[in-house]
């Protein structure tokens, strides 16, 4: 009998979409797009993803029981992923703040080239 697992190798966040794709024998991109669409239109995609992240065991896990140890591992994994995402967001914001505002200068240069008498 086929079992549903979160993918260890083909994951973007937690491997839920890739695991579902393997289970249903379809391309993971299709499953990812479905979750994004559900998240955008109903907000249901985020909730479904989080629930599946919690209850679906990781591929190759020794036990697939929903015991306290499983929830502890998943909670630690979620915390680590959230910290990584927050760190990446902060890094991106800092990089954006440190870059000079070049688009404005380019517009002024274009106007000067079009109308050199001003």
PDB file of N, CA and C in Angstrom:
ATOM      1  N   UNK A   1       0.837  -1.178   0.000  1.00  0.00           N
ATOM      2  CA  UNK A   1       0.000   0.000   0.000  1.00  0.00           C
ATOM      3  C   UNK A   1       0.888   1.249   0.000  1.00  0.00           C
ATOM      4  N   UNK A   2       0.512   2.208  -0.812  1.00  0.00           N
ATOM      5  CA  UNK A   2       1.240   3.464  -0.949  1.00  0.00           C
ATOM      6  C   UNK A   2       0.989   4.352   0.260  1.00  0.00           C
ATOM      7  N   UNK A   3       2.071   4.978   0.803  1.00  0.00           N
ATOM      8  CA  UNK A   3       1.919   5.871   1.948  1.00  0.00           C
ATOM      9  C   UNK A   3       2.355   7.274   1.569  1.00  0.00           C
ATOM     10  N   UNK A   4       1.754   8.237   2.227  1.00  0.00           N
ATOM     11  CA  UNK A   4       2.056   9.639   1.987  1.00  0.00           C
ATOM     12  C   UNK A   4       3.154  10.091   2.951  1.00  0.00           C
ATOM     13  N   UNK A   5       4.217  10.654   2.381  1.00  0.00           N
ATOM     14  CA  UNK A   5       5.320  11.201   3.168  1.00  0.00           C
ATOM     15  C   UNK A   5       5.691  12.572   2.629  1.00  0.00           C
ATOM     16  N   UNK A   6       6.272  13.402   3.486  1.00  0.00           N
ATOM     17  CA  UNK A   6       6.848  14.665   3.030  1.00  0.00           C
ATOM     18  C   UNK A   6       8.213  14.351   2.424  1.00  0.00           C
ATOM     19  N   UNK A   7       8.523  14.970   1.327  1.00  0.00           N
ATOM     20  CA  UNK A   7       9.772  14.709   0.624  1.00  0.00           C
ATOM     21  C   UNK A   7      10.958  15.323   1.360  1.00  0.00           C
ATOM     22  N   UNK A   8      12.052  14.594   1.402  1.00  0.00           N
ATOM     23  CA  UNK A   8      13.289  15.130   1.977  1.00  0.00           C
ATOM     24  C   UNK A   8      14.118  15.867   0.930  1.00  0.00           C
ATOM     25  N   UNK A   9      14.052  15.399  -0.302  1.00  0.00           N
ATOM     26  CA  UNK A   9      14.946  15.911  -1.343  1.00  0.00           C
ATOM     27  C   UNK A   9      14.351  17.018  -2.194  1.00  0.00           C
ATOM     28  N   UNK A  10      13.096  16.916  -2.523  1.00  0.00           N
ATOM     29  CA  UNK A  10      12.465  17.850  -3.455  1.00  0.00           C
ATOM     30  C   UNK A  10      11.536  18.794  -2.696  1.00  0.00           C
ATOM     31  N   UNK A  11      12.101  19.525  -1.741  1.00  0.00           N
ATOM     32  CA  UNK A  11      11.235  20.390  -0.951  1.00  0.00           C
ATOM     33  C   UNK A  11      11.606  21.848  -1.110  1.00  0.00           C
ATOM     34  N   UNK A  12      10.571  22.694  -1.026  1.00  0.00           N
ATOM     35  CA  UNK A  12      10.764  24.139  -1.051  1.00  0.00           C
ATOM     36  C   UNK A  12      10.668  24.680   0.376  1.00  0.00           C
ATOM     37  N   UNK A  13       9.690  24.208   1.113  1.00  0.00           N
ATOM     38  CA  UNK A  13       9.524  24.619   2.506  1.00  0.00           C
ATOM     39  C   UNK A  13       9.626  23.392   3.409  1.00  0.00           C
ATOM     40  N   UNK A  14       8.637  22.513   3.334  1.00  0.00           N
ATOM     41  CA  UNK A  14       8.632  21.350   4.216  1.00  0.00           C
ATOM     42  C   UNK A  14       8.493  20.031   3.467  1.00  0.00           C
ATOM     43  N   UNK A  15       8.361  20.071   2.156  1.00  0.00           N
ATOM     44  CA  UNK A  15       8.258  18.848   1.372  1.00  0.00           C
ATOM     45  C   UNK A  15       6.850  18.322   1.213  1.00  0.00           C
ATOM     46  N   UNK A  16       5.856  19.092   1.649  1.00  0.00           N
ATOM     47  CA  UNK A  16       4.465  18.640   1.574  1.00  0.00           C
ATOM     48  C   UNK A  16       4.020  18.487   0.120  1.00  0.00           C
ATOM     49  N   UNK A  17       4.236  19.504  -0.679  1.00  0.00           N
ATOM     50  CA  UNK A  17       3.786  19.465  -2.079  1.00  0.00           C
ATOM     51  C   UNK A  17       4.491  18.365  -2.866  1.00  0.00           C
ATOM     52  N   UNK A  18       5.791  18.233  -2.658  1.00  0.00           N
ATOM     53  CA  UNK A  18       6.532  17.187  -3.369  1.00  0.00           C
ATOM     54  C   UNK A  18       6.061  15.804  -2.928  1.00  0.00           C
ATOM     55  N   UNK A  19       5.766  15.647  -1.643  1.00  0.00           N
ATOM     56  CA  UNK A  19       5.250  14.375  -1.148  1.00  0.00           C
ATOM     57  C   UNK A  19       3.895  14.042  -1.755  1.00  0.00           C
ATOM     58  N   UNK A  20       3.018  15.044  -1.832  1.00  0.00           N
ATOM     59  CA  UNK A  20       1.710  14.837  -2.467  1.00  0.00           C
ATOM     60  C   UNK A  20       1.872  14.501  -3.949  1.00  0.00           C
ATOM     61  N   UNK A  21       2.823  15.159  -4.597  1.00  0.00           N
ATOM     62  CA  UNK A  21       3.055  14.904  -6.019  1.00  0.00           C
ATOM     63  C   UNK A  21       3.513  13.463  -6.243  1.00  0.00           C
ATOM     64  N   UNK A  22       4.389  12.980  -5.414  1.00  0.00           N
ATOM     65  CA  UNK A  22       4.845  11.592  -5.535  1.00  0.00           C
ATOM     66  C   UNK A  22       3.672  10.643  -5.284  1.00  0.00           C
ATOM     67  N   UNK A  23       2.891  10.944  -4.265  1.00  0.00           N
ATOM     68  CA  UNK A  23       1.757  10.084  -3.916  1.00  0.00           C
ATOM     69  C   UNK A  23       0.747   9.987  -5.057  1.00  0.00           C
ATOM     70  N   UNK A  24       0.463  11.127  -5.696  1.00  0.00           N
ATOM     71  CA  UNK A  24      -0.515  11.146  -6.789  1.00  0.00           C
ATOM     72  C   UNK A  24       0.132  11.009  -8.168  1.00  0.00           C
ATOM     73  N   UNK A  25       1.450  10.863  -8.207  1.00  0.00           N
ATOM     74  CA  UNK A  25       2.214  10.661  -9.439  1.00  0.00           C
ATOM     75  C   UNK A  25       1.996  11.814 -10.438  1.00  0.00           C
ATOM     76  N   UNK A  26       2.169  13.047  -9.944  1.00  0.00           N
ATOM     77  CA  UNK A  26       2.070  14.236 -10.788  1.00  0.00           C
ATOM     78  C   UNK A  26       3.269  15.139 -10.523  1.00  0.00           C
ATOM     79  N   UNK A  27       3.399  16.170 -11.305  1.00  0.00           N
ATOM     80  CA  UNK A  27       4.507  17.113 -11.170  1.00  0.00           C
ATOM     81  C   UNK A  27       4.323  17.959  -9.897  1.00  0.00           C
ATOM     82  N   UNK A  28       5.371  18.104  -9.075  1.00  0.00           N
ATOM     83  CA  UNK A  28       5.263  18.904  -7.848  1.00  0.00           C
ATOM     84  C   UNK A  28       4.871  20.362  -8.107  1.00  0.00           C
ATOM     85  N   UNK A  29       5.232  20.892  -9.262  1.00  0.00           N
ATOM     86  CA  UNK A  29       4.893  22.277  -9.587  1.00  0.00           C
ATOM     87  C   UNK A  29       3.382  22.477  -9.634  1.00  0.00           C
ATOM     88  N   UNK A  30       2.665  21.489 -10.122  1.00  0.00           N
ATOM     89  CA  UNK A  30       1.205  21.571 -10.192  1.00  0.00           C
ATOM     90  C   UNK A  30       0.621  21.647  -8.776  1.00  0.00           C
ATOM     91  N   UNK A  31       1.144  20.829  -7.880  1.00  0.00           N
ATOM     92  CA  UNK A  31       0.655  20.832  -6.500  1.00  0.00           C
ATOM     93  C   UNK A  31       0.998  22.162  -5.828  1.00  0.00           C
ATOM     94  N   UNK A  32       2.200  22.658  -6.064  1.00  0.00           N
ATOM     95  CA  UNK A  32       2.603  23.943  -5.480  1.00  0.00           C
ATOM     96  C   UNK A  32       1.700  25.078  -5.971  1.00  0.00           C
ATOM     97  N   UNK A  33       1.421  25.085  -7.269  1.00  0.00           N
ATOM     98  CA  UNK A  33       0.527  26.111  -7.821  1.00  0.00           C
ATOM     99  C   UNK A  33      -0.877  26.009  -7.227  1.00  0.00           C
ATOM    100  N   UNK A  34      -1.338  24.793  -7.012  1.00  0.00           N
ATOM    101  CA  UNK A  34      -2.660  24.607  -6.409  1.00  0.00           C
ATOM    102  C   UNK A  34      -2.689  25.192  -4.999  1.00  0.00           C
ATOM    103  N   UNK A  35      -1.636  24.968  -4.212  1.00  0.00           N
ATOM    104  CA  UNK A  35      -1.582  25.528  -2.866  1.00  0.00           C
ATOM    105  C   UNK A  35      -1.518  27.050  -2.903  1.00  0.00           C
ATOM    106  N   UNK A  36      -0.764  27.607  -3.840  1.00  0.00           N
ATOM    107  CA  UNK A  36      -0.684  29.062  -3.961  1.00  0.00           C
ATOM    108  C   UNK A  36      -2.041  29.640  -4.322  1.00  0.00           C
ATOM    109  N   UNK A  37      -2.716  29.020  -5.281  1.00  0.00           N
ATOM    110  CA  UNK A  37      -4.045  29.508  -5.672  1.00  0.00           C
ATOM    111  C   UNK A  37      -5.035  29.415  -4.514  1.00  0.00           C
ATOM    112  N   UNK A  38      -4.996  28.311  -3.777  1.00  0.00           N
ATOM    113  CA  UNK A  38      -5.878  28.175  -2.617  1.00  0.00           C
ATOM    114  C   UNK A  38      -5.554  29.227  -1.557  1.00  0.00           C
ATOM    115  N   UNK A  39      -4.279  29.530  -1.407  1.00  0.00           N
ATOM    116  CA  UNK A  39      -3.873  30.542  -0.427  1.00  0.00           C
ATOM    117  C   UNK A  39      -4.335  31.930  -0.847  1.00  0.00           C
ATOM    118  N   UNK A  40      -4.238  32.221  -2.131  1.00  0.00           N
ATOM    119  CA  UNK A  40      -4.618  33.546  -2.621  1.00  0.00           C
ATOM    120  C   UNK A  40      -6.118  33.778  -2.621  1.00  0.00           C
ATOM    121  N   UNK A  41      -6.881  32.775  -3.008  1.00  0.00           N
ATOM    122  CA  UNK A  41      -8.312  32.970  -3.173  1.00  0.00           C
ATOM    123  C   UNK A  41      -9.120  32.724  -1.905  1.00  0.00           C
ATOM    124  N   UNK A  42      -8.750  31.764  -1.131  1.00  0.00           N
ATOM    125  CA  UNK A  42      -9.533  31.444   0.053  1.00  0.00           C
ATOM    126  C   UNK A  42      -8.721  31.508   1.351  1.00  0.00           C
ATOM    127  N   UNK A  43      -7.419  31.522   1.245  1.00  0.00           N
ATOM    128  CA  UNK A  43      -6.588  31.470   2.437  1.00  0.00           C
ATOM    129  C   UNK A  43      -6.488  30.058   2.985  1.00  0.00           C
ATOM    130  N   UNK A  44      -7.196  29.140   2.358  1.00  0.00           N
ATOM    131  CA  UNK A  44      -7.239  27.756   2.815  1.00  0.00           C
ATOM    132  C   UNK A  44      -5.916  27.037   2.565  1.00  0.00           C
ATOM    133  N   UNK A  45      -5.188  27.440   1.531  1.00  0.00           N
ATOM    134  CA  UNK A  45      -3.946  26.757   1.173  1.00  0.00           C
ATOM    135  C   UNK A  45      -2.910  26.791   2.273  1.00  0.00           C
ATOM    136  N   UNK A  46      -2.799  27.912   2.964  1.00  0.00           N
ATOM    137  CA  UNK A  46      -1.820  28.041   4.050  1.00  0.00           C
ATOM    138  C   UNK A  46      -2.198  27.114   5.197  1.00  0.00           C
ATOM    139  N   UNK A  47      -3.469  27.127   5.569  1.00  0.00           N
ATOM    140  CA  UNK A  47      -3.938  26.274   6.657  1.00  0.00           C
ATOM    141  C   UNK A  47      -3.759  24.792   6.305  1.00  0.00           C
ATOM    142  N   UNK A  48      -4.133  24.415   5.099  1.00  0.00           N
ATOM    143  CA  UNK A  48      -3.985  23.018   4.666  1.00  0.00           C
ATOM    144  C   UNK A  48      -2.523  22.606   4.676  1.00  0.00           C
ATOM    145  N   UNK A  49      -1.649  23.490   4.194  1.00  0.00           N
ATOM    146  CA  UNK A  49      -0.219  23.181   4.158  1.00  0.00           C
ATOM    147  C   UNK A  49       0.320  22.974   5.573  1.00  0.00           C
ATOM    148  N   UNK A  50      -0.039  23.864   6.492  1.00  0.00           N
ATOM    149  CA  UNK A  50       0.435  23.733   7.874  1.00  0.00           C
ATOM    150  C   UNK A  50      -0.060  22.445   8.520  1.00  0.00           C
ATOM    151  N   UNK A  51      -1.322  22.108   8.288  1.00  0.00           N
ATOM    152  CA  UNK A  51      -1.870  20.870   8.857  1.00  0.00           C
ATOM    153  C   UNK A  51      -1.147  19.656   8.290  1.00  0.00           C
ATOM    154  N   UNK A  52      -0.946  19.645   6.969  1.00  0.00           N
ATOM    155  CA  UNK A  52      -0.230  18.517   6.357  1.00  0.00           C
ATOM    156  C   UNK A  52       1.214  18.455   6.846  1.00  0.00           C
ATOM    157  N   UNK A  53       1.834  19.605   7.051  1.00  0.00           N
ATOM    158  CA  UNK A  53       3.204  19.642   7.562  1.00  0.00           C
ATOM    159  C   UNK A  53       3.269  18.955   8.926  1.00  0.00           C
ATOM    160  N   UNK A  54       2.241  19.168   9.726  1.00  0.00           N
ATOM    161  CA  UNK A  54       2.226  18.602  11.073  1.00  0.00           C
ATOM    162  C   UNK A  54       1.927  17.108  11.061  1.00  0.00           C
ATOM    163  N   UNK A  55       0.950  16.680  10.271  1.00  0.00           N
ATOM    164  CA  UNK A  55       0.499  15.282  10.388  1.00  0.00           C
ATOM    165  C   UNK A  55       1.179  14.306   9.441  1.00  0.00           C
ATOM    166  N   UNK A  56       1.748  14.786   8.342  1.00  0.00           N
ATOM    167  CA  UNK A  56       2.381  13.868   7.389  1.00  0.00           C
ATOM    168  C   UNK A  56       3.846  13.674   7.796  1.00  0.00           C
ATOM    169  N   UNK A  57       4.256  12.423   7.997  1.00  0.00           N
ATOM    170  CA  UNK A  57       5.634  12.171   8.430  1.00  0.00           C
ATOM    171  C   UNK A  57       6.641  12.444   7.314  1.00  0.00           C
ATOM    172  N   UNK A  58       7.860  12.742   7.718  1.00  0.00           N
ATOM    173  CA  UNK A  58       8.943  12.982   6.787  1.00  0.00           C
ATOM    174  C   UNK A  58       9.373  11.666   6.158  1.00  0.00           C
ATOM    175  N   UNK A  59       9.709  11.715   4.884  1.00  0.00           N
ATOM    176  CA  UNK A  59      10.131  10.528   4.141  1.00  0.00           C
ATOM    177  C   UNK A  59      11.296   9.850   4.860  1.00  0.00           C
ATOM    178  N   UNK A  60      11.177   8.556   5.051  1.00  0.00           N
ATOM    179  CA  UNK A  60      12.236   7.783   5.686  1.00  0.00           C
ATOM    180  C   UNK A  60      12.234   7.860   7.201  1.00  0.00           C
ATOM    181  N   UNK A  61      11.222   8.500   7.787  1.00  0.00           N
ATOM    182  CA  UNK A  61      11.141   8.581   9.246  1.00  0.00           C
ATOM    183  C   UNK A  61      10.923   7.182   9.816  1.00  0.00           C
ATOM    184  N   UNK A  62      11.569   6.915  10.914  1.00  0.00           N
ATOM    185  CA  UNK A  62      11.487   5.592  11.518  1.00  0.00           C
ATOM    186  C   UNK A  62      10.066   5.267  11.967  1.00  0.00           C
ATOM    187  N   UNK A  63       9.401   6.261  12.501  1.00  0.00           N
ATOM    188  CA  UNK A  63       8.026   6.016  12.936  1.00  0.00           C
ATOM    189  C   UNK A  63       7.103   7.069  12.333  1.00  0.00           C
ATOM    190  N   UNK A  64       5.935   6.638  11.977  1.00  0.00           N
ATOM    191  CA  UNK A  64       4.970   7.554  11.380  1.00  0.00           C
ATOM    192  C   UNK A  64       3.817   7.815  12.351  1.00  0.00           C
ATOM    193  N   UNK A  65       4.076   7.582  13.629  1.00  0.00           N
ATOM    194  CA  UNK A  65       3.033   7.786  14.635  1.00  0.00           C
ATOM    195  C   UNK A  65       2.935   9.256  15.001  1.00  0.00           C
ATOM    196  N   UNK A  66       1.741   9.679  15.306  1.00  0.00           N
ATOM    197  CA  UNK A  66       1.525  11.057  15.723  1.00  0.00           C
ATOM    198  C   UNK A  66       1.645  11.130  17.247  1.00  0.00           C
ATOM    199  N   UNK A  67       2.850  10.890  17.732  1.00  0.00           N
ATOM    200  CA  UNK A  67       3.090  10.955  19.165  1.00  0.00           C
ATOM    201  C   UNK A  67       3.738  12.289  19.530  1.00  0.00           C
ATOM    202  N   UNK A  68       4.022  12.456  20.782  1.00  0.00           N
ATOM    203  CA  UNK A  68       4.587  13.714  21.282  1.00  0.00           C
ATOM    204  C   UNK A  68       5.934  14.022  20.630  1.00  0.00           C
ATOM    205  N   UNK A  69       6.748  12.992  20.419  1.00  0.00           N
ATOM    206  CA  UNK A  69       8.068  13.187  19.802  1.00  0.00           C
ATOM    207  C   UNK A  69       7.922  13.704  18.371  1.00  0.00           C
ATOM    208  N   UNK A  70       6.934  13.194  17.649  1.00  0.00           N
ATOM    209  CA  UNK A  70       6.693  13.656  16.277  1.00  0.00           C
ATOM    210  C   UNK A  70       6.353  15.141  16.276  1.00  0.00           C
ATOM    211  N   UNK A  71       5.433  15.540  17.155  1.00  0.00           N
ATOM    212  CA  UNK A  71       5.031  16.947  17.209  1.00  0.00           C
ATOM    213  C   UNK A  71       6.186  17.840  17.655  1.00  0.00           C
ATOM    214  N   UNK A  72       7.037  17.332  18.526  1.00  0.00           N
ATOM    215  CA  UNK A  72       8.211  18.099  18.963  1.00  0.00           C
ATOM    216  C   UNK A  72       9.164  18.312  17.797  1.00  0.00           C
ATOM    217  N   UNK A  73       9.410  17.250  17.016  1.00  0.00           N
ATOM    218  CA  UNK A  73      10.296  17.366  15.849  1.00  0.00           C
ATOM    219  C   UNK A  73       9.729  18.333  14.817  1.00  0.00           C
ATOM    220  N   UNK A  74       8.446  18.209  14.529  1.00  0.00           N
ATOM    221  CA  UNK A  74       7.817  19.080  13.542  1.00  0.00           C
ATOM    222  C   UNK A  74       7.815  20.526  14.038  1.00  0.00           C
ATOM    223  N   UNK A  75       7.550  20.718  15.320  1.00  0.00           N
ATOM    224  CA  UNK A  75       7.572  22.068  15.884  1.00  0.00           C
ATOM    225  C   UNK A  75       8.948  22.700  15.769  1.00  0.00           C
ATOM    226  N   UNK A  76       9.988  21.920  16.034  1.00  0.00           N
ATOM    227  CA  UNK A  76      11.359  22.426  15.905  1.00  0.00           C
ATOM    228  C   UNK A  76      11.680  22.749  14.446  1.00  0.00           C
ATOM    229  N   UNK A  77      11.222  21.892  13.544  1.00  0.00           N
ATOM    230  CA  UNK A  77      11.434  22.120  12.115  1.00  0.00           C
ATOM    231  C   UNK A  77      10.730  23.399  11.660  1.00  0.00           C
ATOM    232  N   UNK A  78       9.493  23.592  12.110  1.00  0.00           N
ATOM    233  CA  UNK A  78       8.737  24.798  11.746  1.00  0.00           C
ATOM    234  C   UNK A  78       9.416  26.057  12.294  1.00  0.00           C
ATOM    235  N   UNK A  79       9.893  25.980  13.529  1.00  0.00           N
ATOM    236  CA  UNK A  79      10.567  27.124  14.137  1.00  0.00           C
ATOM    237  C   UNK A  79      11.835  27.474  13.361  1.00  0.00           C
ATOM    238  N   UNK A  80      12.596  26.461  13.008  1.00  0.00           N
ATOM    239  CA  UNK A  80      13.833  26.685  12.247  1.00  0.00           C
ATOM    240  C   UNK A  80      13.533  27.312  10.885  1.00  0.00           C
ATOM    241  N   UNK A  81      12.514  26.807  10.209  1.00  0.00           N
ATOM    242  CA  UNK A  81      12.145  27.340   8.898  1.00  0.00           C
ATOM    243  C   UNK A  81      11.657  28.779   9.013  1.00  0.00           C
ATOM    244  N   UNK A  82      10.860  29.069  10.043  1.00  0.00           N
ATOM    245  CA  UNK A  82      10.370  30.429  10.249  1.00  0.00           C
ATOM    246  C   UNK A  82      11.519  31.389  10.520  1.00  0.00           C
ATOM    247  N   UNK A  83      12.491  30.966  11.332  1.00  0.00           N
ATOM    248  CA  UNK A  83      13.651  31.810  11.615  1.00  0.00           C
ATOM    249  C   UNK A  83      14.461  32.065  10.343  1.00  0.00           C
ATOM    250  N   UNK A  84      14.582  31.058   9.498  1.00  0.00           N
ATOM    251  CA  UNK A  84      15.303  31.213   8.234  1.00  0.00           C
ATOM    252  C   UNK A  84      14.597  32.218   7.331  1.00  0.00           C
ATOM    253  N   UNK A  85      13.287  32.109   7.234  1.00  0.00           N
ATOM    254  CA  UNK A  85      12.519  33.017   6.385  1.00  0.00           C
ATOM    255  C   UNK A  85      12.621  34.449   6.912  1.00  0.00           C
ATOM    256  N   UNK A  86      12.493  34.627   8.221  1.00  0.00           N
ATOM    257  CA  UNK A  86      12.602  35.963   8.809  1.00  0.00           C
ATOM    258  C   UNK A  86      13.986  36.545   8.552  1.00  0.00           C
ATOM    259  N   UNK A  87      15.019  35.724   8.693  1.00  0.00           N
ATOM    260  CA  UNK A  87      16.381  36.182   8.438  1.00  0.00           C
ATOM    261  C   UNK A  87      16.548  36.623   6.985  1.00  0.00           C
ATOM    262  N   UNK A  88      16.012  35.851   6.047  1.00  0.00           N
ATOM    263  CA  UNK A  88      16.097  36.197   4.629  1.00  0.00           C
ATOM    264  C   UNK A  88      15.346  37.491   4.317  1.00  0.00           C
ATOM    265  N   UNK A  89      14.194  37.674   4.942  1.00  0.00           N
ATOM    266  CA  UNK A  89      13.424  38.893   4.729  1.00  0.00           C
ATOM    267  C   UNK A  89      14.194  40.104   5.255  1.00  0.00           C
ATOM    268  N   UNK A  90      14.750  39.981   6.464  1.00  0.00           N
ATOM    269  CA  UNK A  90      15.536  41.078   7.040  1.00  0.00           C
ATOM    270  C   UNK A  90      16.732  41.411   6.163  1.00  0.00           C
ATOM    271  N   UNK A  91      17.398  40.384   5.674  1.00  0.00           N
ATOM    272  CA  UNK A  91      18.560  40.573   4.811  1.00  0.00           C
ATOM    273  C   UNK A  91      18.170  41.310   3.533  1.00  0.00           C
ATOM    274  N   UNK A  92      17.065  40.912   2.928  1.00  0.00           N
ATOM    275  CA  UNK A  92      16.594  41.555   1.706  1.00  0.00           C
ATOM    276  C   UNK A  92      16.226  43.013   1.945  1.00  0.00           C
ATOM    277  N   UNK A  93      15.546  43.292   3.058  1.00  0.00           N
ATOM    278  CA  UNK A  93      15.161  44.661   3.388  1.00  0.00           C
ATOM    279  C   UNK A  93      16.404  45.525   3.611  1.00  0.00           C
ATOM    280  N   UNK A  94      17.377  44.999   4.319  1.00  0.00           N
ATOM    281  CA  UNK A  94      18.616  45.749   4.559  1.00  0.00           C
ATOM    282  C   UNK A  94      19.352  46.031   3.251  1.00  0.00           C
ATOM    283  N   UNK A  95      19.373  45.051   2.345  1.00  0.00           N
ATOM    284  CA  UNK A  95      20.015  45.263   1.047  1.00  0.00           C
ATOM    285  C   UNK A  95      19.279  46.331   0.246  1.00  0.00           C
ATOM    286  N   UNK A  96      17.964  46.329   0.324  1.00  0.00           N
ATOM    287  CA  UNK A  96      17.178  47.323  -0.407  1.00  0.00           C
ATOM    288  C   UNK A  96      17.407  48.721   0.170  1.00  0.00           C
ATOM    289  N   UNK A  97      17.542  48.816   1.488  1.00  0.00           N
ATOM    290  CA  UNK A  97      17.788  50.103   2.129  1.00  0.00           C
ATOM    291  C   UNK A  97      19.167  50.656   1.775  1.00  0.00           C
ATOM    292  N   UNK A  98      20.145  49.781   1.623  1.00  0.00           N
ATOM    293  CA  UNK A  98      21.516  50.232   1.390  1.00  0.00           C
ATOM    294  C   UNK A  98      21.793  50.599  -0.064  1.00  0.00           C
ATOM    295  N   UNK A  99      20.943  50.168  -0.986  1.00  0.00           N
ATOM    296  CA  UNK A  99      21.140  50.497  -2.398  1.00  0.00           C
ATOM    297  C   UNK A  99      20.688  51.926  -2.669  1.00  0.00           C
ATOM    298  N   UNK A 100      21.439  52.653  -3.498  1.00  0.00           N
ATOM    299  CA  UNK A 100      21.006  54.011  -3.849  1.00  0.00           C
ATOM    300  C   UNK A 100      19.774  53.953  -4.755  1.00  0.00           C
ATOM    301  N   UNK A 101      19.028  55.025  -4.741  1.00  0.00           N
ATOM    302  CA  UNK A 101      17.796  55.096  -5.518  1.00  0.00           C
ATOM    303  C   UNK A 101      18.136  55.514  -6.947  1.00  0.00           C
ATOM    304  N   UNK A 102      18.529  54.559  -7.785  1.00  0.00           N
ATOM    305  CA  UNK A 102      18.975  54.858  -9.142  1.00  0.00           C
ATOM    306  C   UNK A 102      17.858  55.107 -10.149  1.00  0.00           C
ATOM    307  N   UNK A 103      16.680  54.541 -10.018  1.00  0.00           N
ATOM    308  CA  UNK A 103      15.661  54.793 -11.043  1.00  0.00           C
ATOM    309  C   UNK A 103      15.316  56.271 -11.213  1.00  0.00           C
ATOM    310  N   UNK A 104      15.312  57.044 -10.134  1.00  0.00           N
ATOM    311  CA  UNK A 104      15.013  58.460 -10.218  1.00  0.00           C
ATOM    312  C   UNK A 104      16.082  59.188 -11.026  1.00  0.00           C
ATOM    313  N   UNK A 105      17.334  58.857 -10.778  1.00  0.00           N
ATOM    314  CA  UNK A 105      18.433  59.483 -11.502  1.00  0.00           C
ATOM    315  C   UNK A 105      18.347  59.166 -12.986  1.00  0.00           C
ATOM    316  N   UNK A 106      17.984  57.941 -13.318  1.00  0.00           N
ATOM    317  CA  UNK A 106      17.863  57.546 -14.718  1.00  0.00           C
ATOM    318  C   UNK A 106      16.766  58.345 -15.414  1.00  0.00           C
ATOM    319  N   UNK A 107      15.655  58.608 -14.732  1.00  0.00           N
ATOM    320  CA  UNK A 107      14.567  59.390 -15.317  1.00  0.00           C
ATOM    321  C   UNK A 107      15.028  60.820 -15.590  1.00  0.00           C
ATOM    322  N   UNK A 108      15.792  61.395 -14.654  1.00  0.00           N
ATOM    323  CA  UNK A 108      16.287  62.757 -14.845  1.00  0.00           C
ATOM    324  C   UNK A 108      17.250  62.814 -16.027  1.00  0.00           C
ATOM    325  N   UNK A 109      18.106  61.800 -16.162  1.00  0.00           N
ATOM    326  CA  UNK A 109      19.043  61.737 -17.285  1.00  0.00           C
ATOM    327  C   UNK A 109      18.294  61.650 -18.609  1.00  0.00           C
ATOM    328  N   UNK A 110      17.224  60.846 -18.645  1.00  0.00           N
ATOM    329  CA  UNK A 110      16.435  60.698 -19.867  1.00  0.00           C
ATOM    330  C   UNK A 110      15.770  62.018 -20.244  1.00  0.00           C
ATOM    331  N   UNK A 111      15.271  62.757 -19.256  1.00  0.00           N
ATOM    332  CA  UNK A 111      14.633  64.033 -19.531  1.00  0.00           C
ATOM    333  C   UNK A 111      15.656  65.053 -20.059  1.00  0.00           C
ATOM    334  N   UNK A 112      16.861  65.046 -19.501  1.00  0.00           N
ATOM    335  CA  UNK A 112      17.896  65.951 -19.952  1.00  0.00           C
ATOM    336  C   UNK A 112      18.328  65.647 -21.389  1.00  0.00           C
ATOM    337  N   UNK A 113      18.331  64.350 -21.741  1.00  0.00           N
ATOM    338  CA  UNK A 113      18.704  63.969 -23.116  1.00  0.00           C
ATOM    339  C   UNK A 113      17.621  64.403 -24.098  1.00  0.00           C
ATOM    340  N   UNK A 114      16.341  64.325 -23.706  1.00  0.00           N
ATOM    341  CA  UNK A 114      15.253  64.696 -24.589  1.00  0.00           C
ATOM    342  C   UNK A 114      15.173  66.217 -24.764  1.00  0.00           C
ATOM    343  N   UNK A 115      15.393  66.960 -23.695  1.00  0.00           N
ATOM    344  CA  UNK A 115      15.245  68.410 -23.724  1.00  0.00           C
ATOM    345  C   UNK A 115      16.513  69.060 -23.155  1.00  0.00           C
ATOM    346  N   UNK A 116      17.575  69.148 -23.938  1.00  0.00           N
ATOM    347  CA  UNK A 116      18.855  69.641 -23.402  1.00  0.00           C
ATOM    348  C   UNK A 116      18.836  71.134 -23.051  1.00  0.00           C
ATOM    349  N   UNK A 117      17.855  71.911 -23.479  1.00  0.00           N
ATOM    350  CA  UNK A 117      17.828  73.344 -23.214  1.00  0.00           C
ATOM    351  C   UNK A 117      17.305  73.678 -21.840  1.00  0.00           C
ATOM    352  N   UNK A 118      16.687  72.748 -21.133  1.00  0.00           N
ATOM    353  CA  UNK A 118      16.114  73.070 -19.837  1.00  0.00           C
ATOM    354  C   UNK A 118      17.098  73.082 -18.713  1.00  0.00           C
TER     355      UNK A 118
END
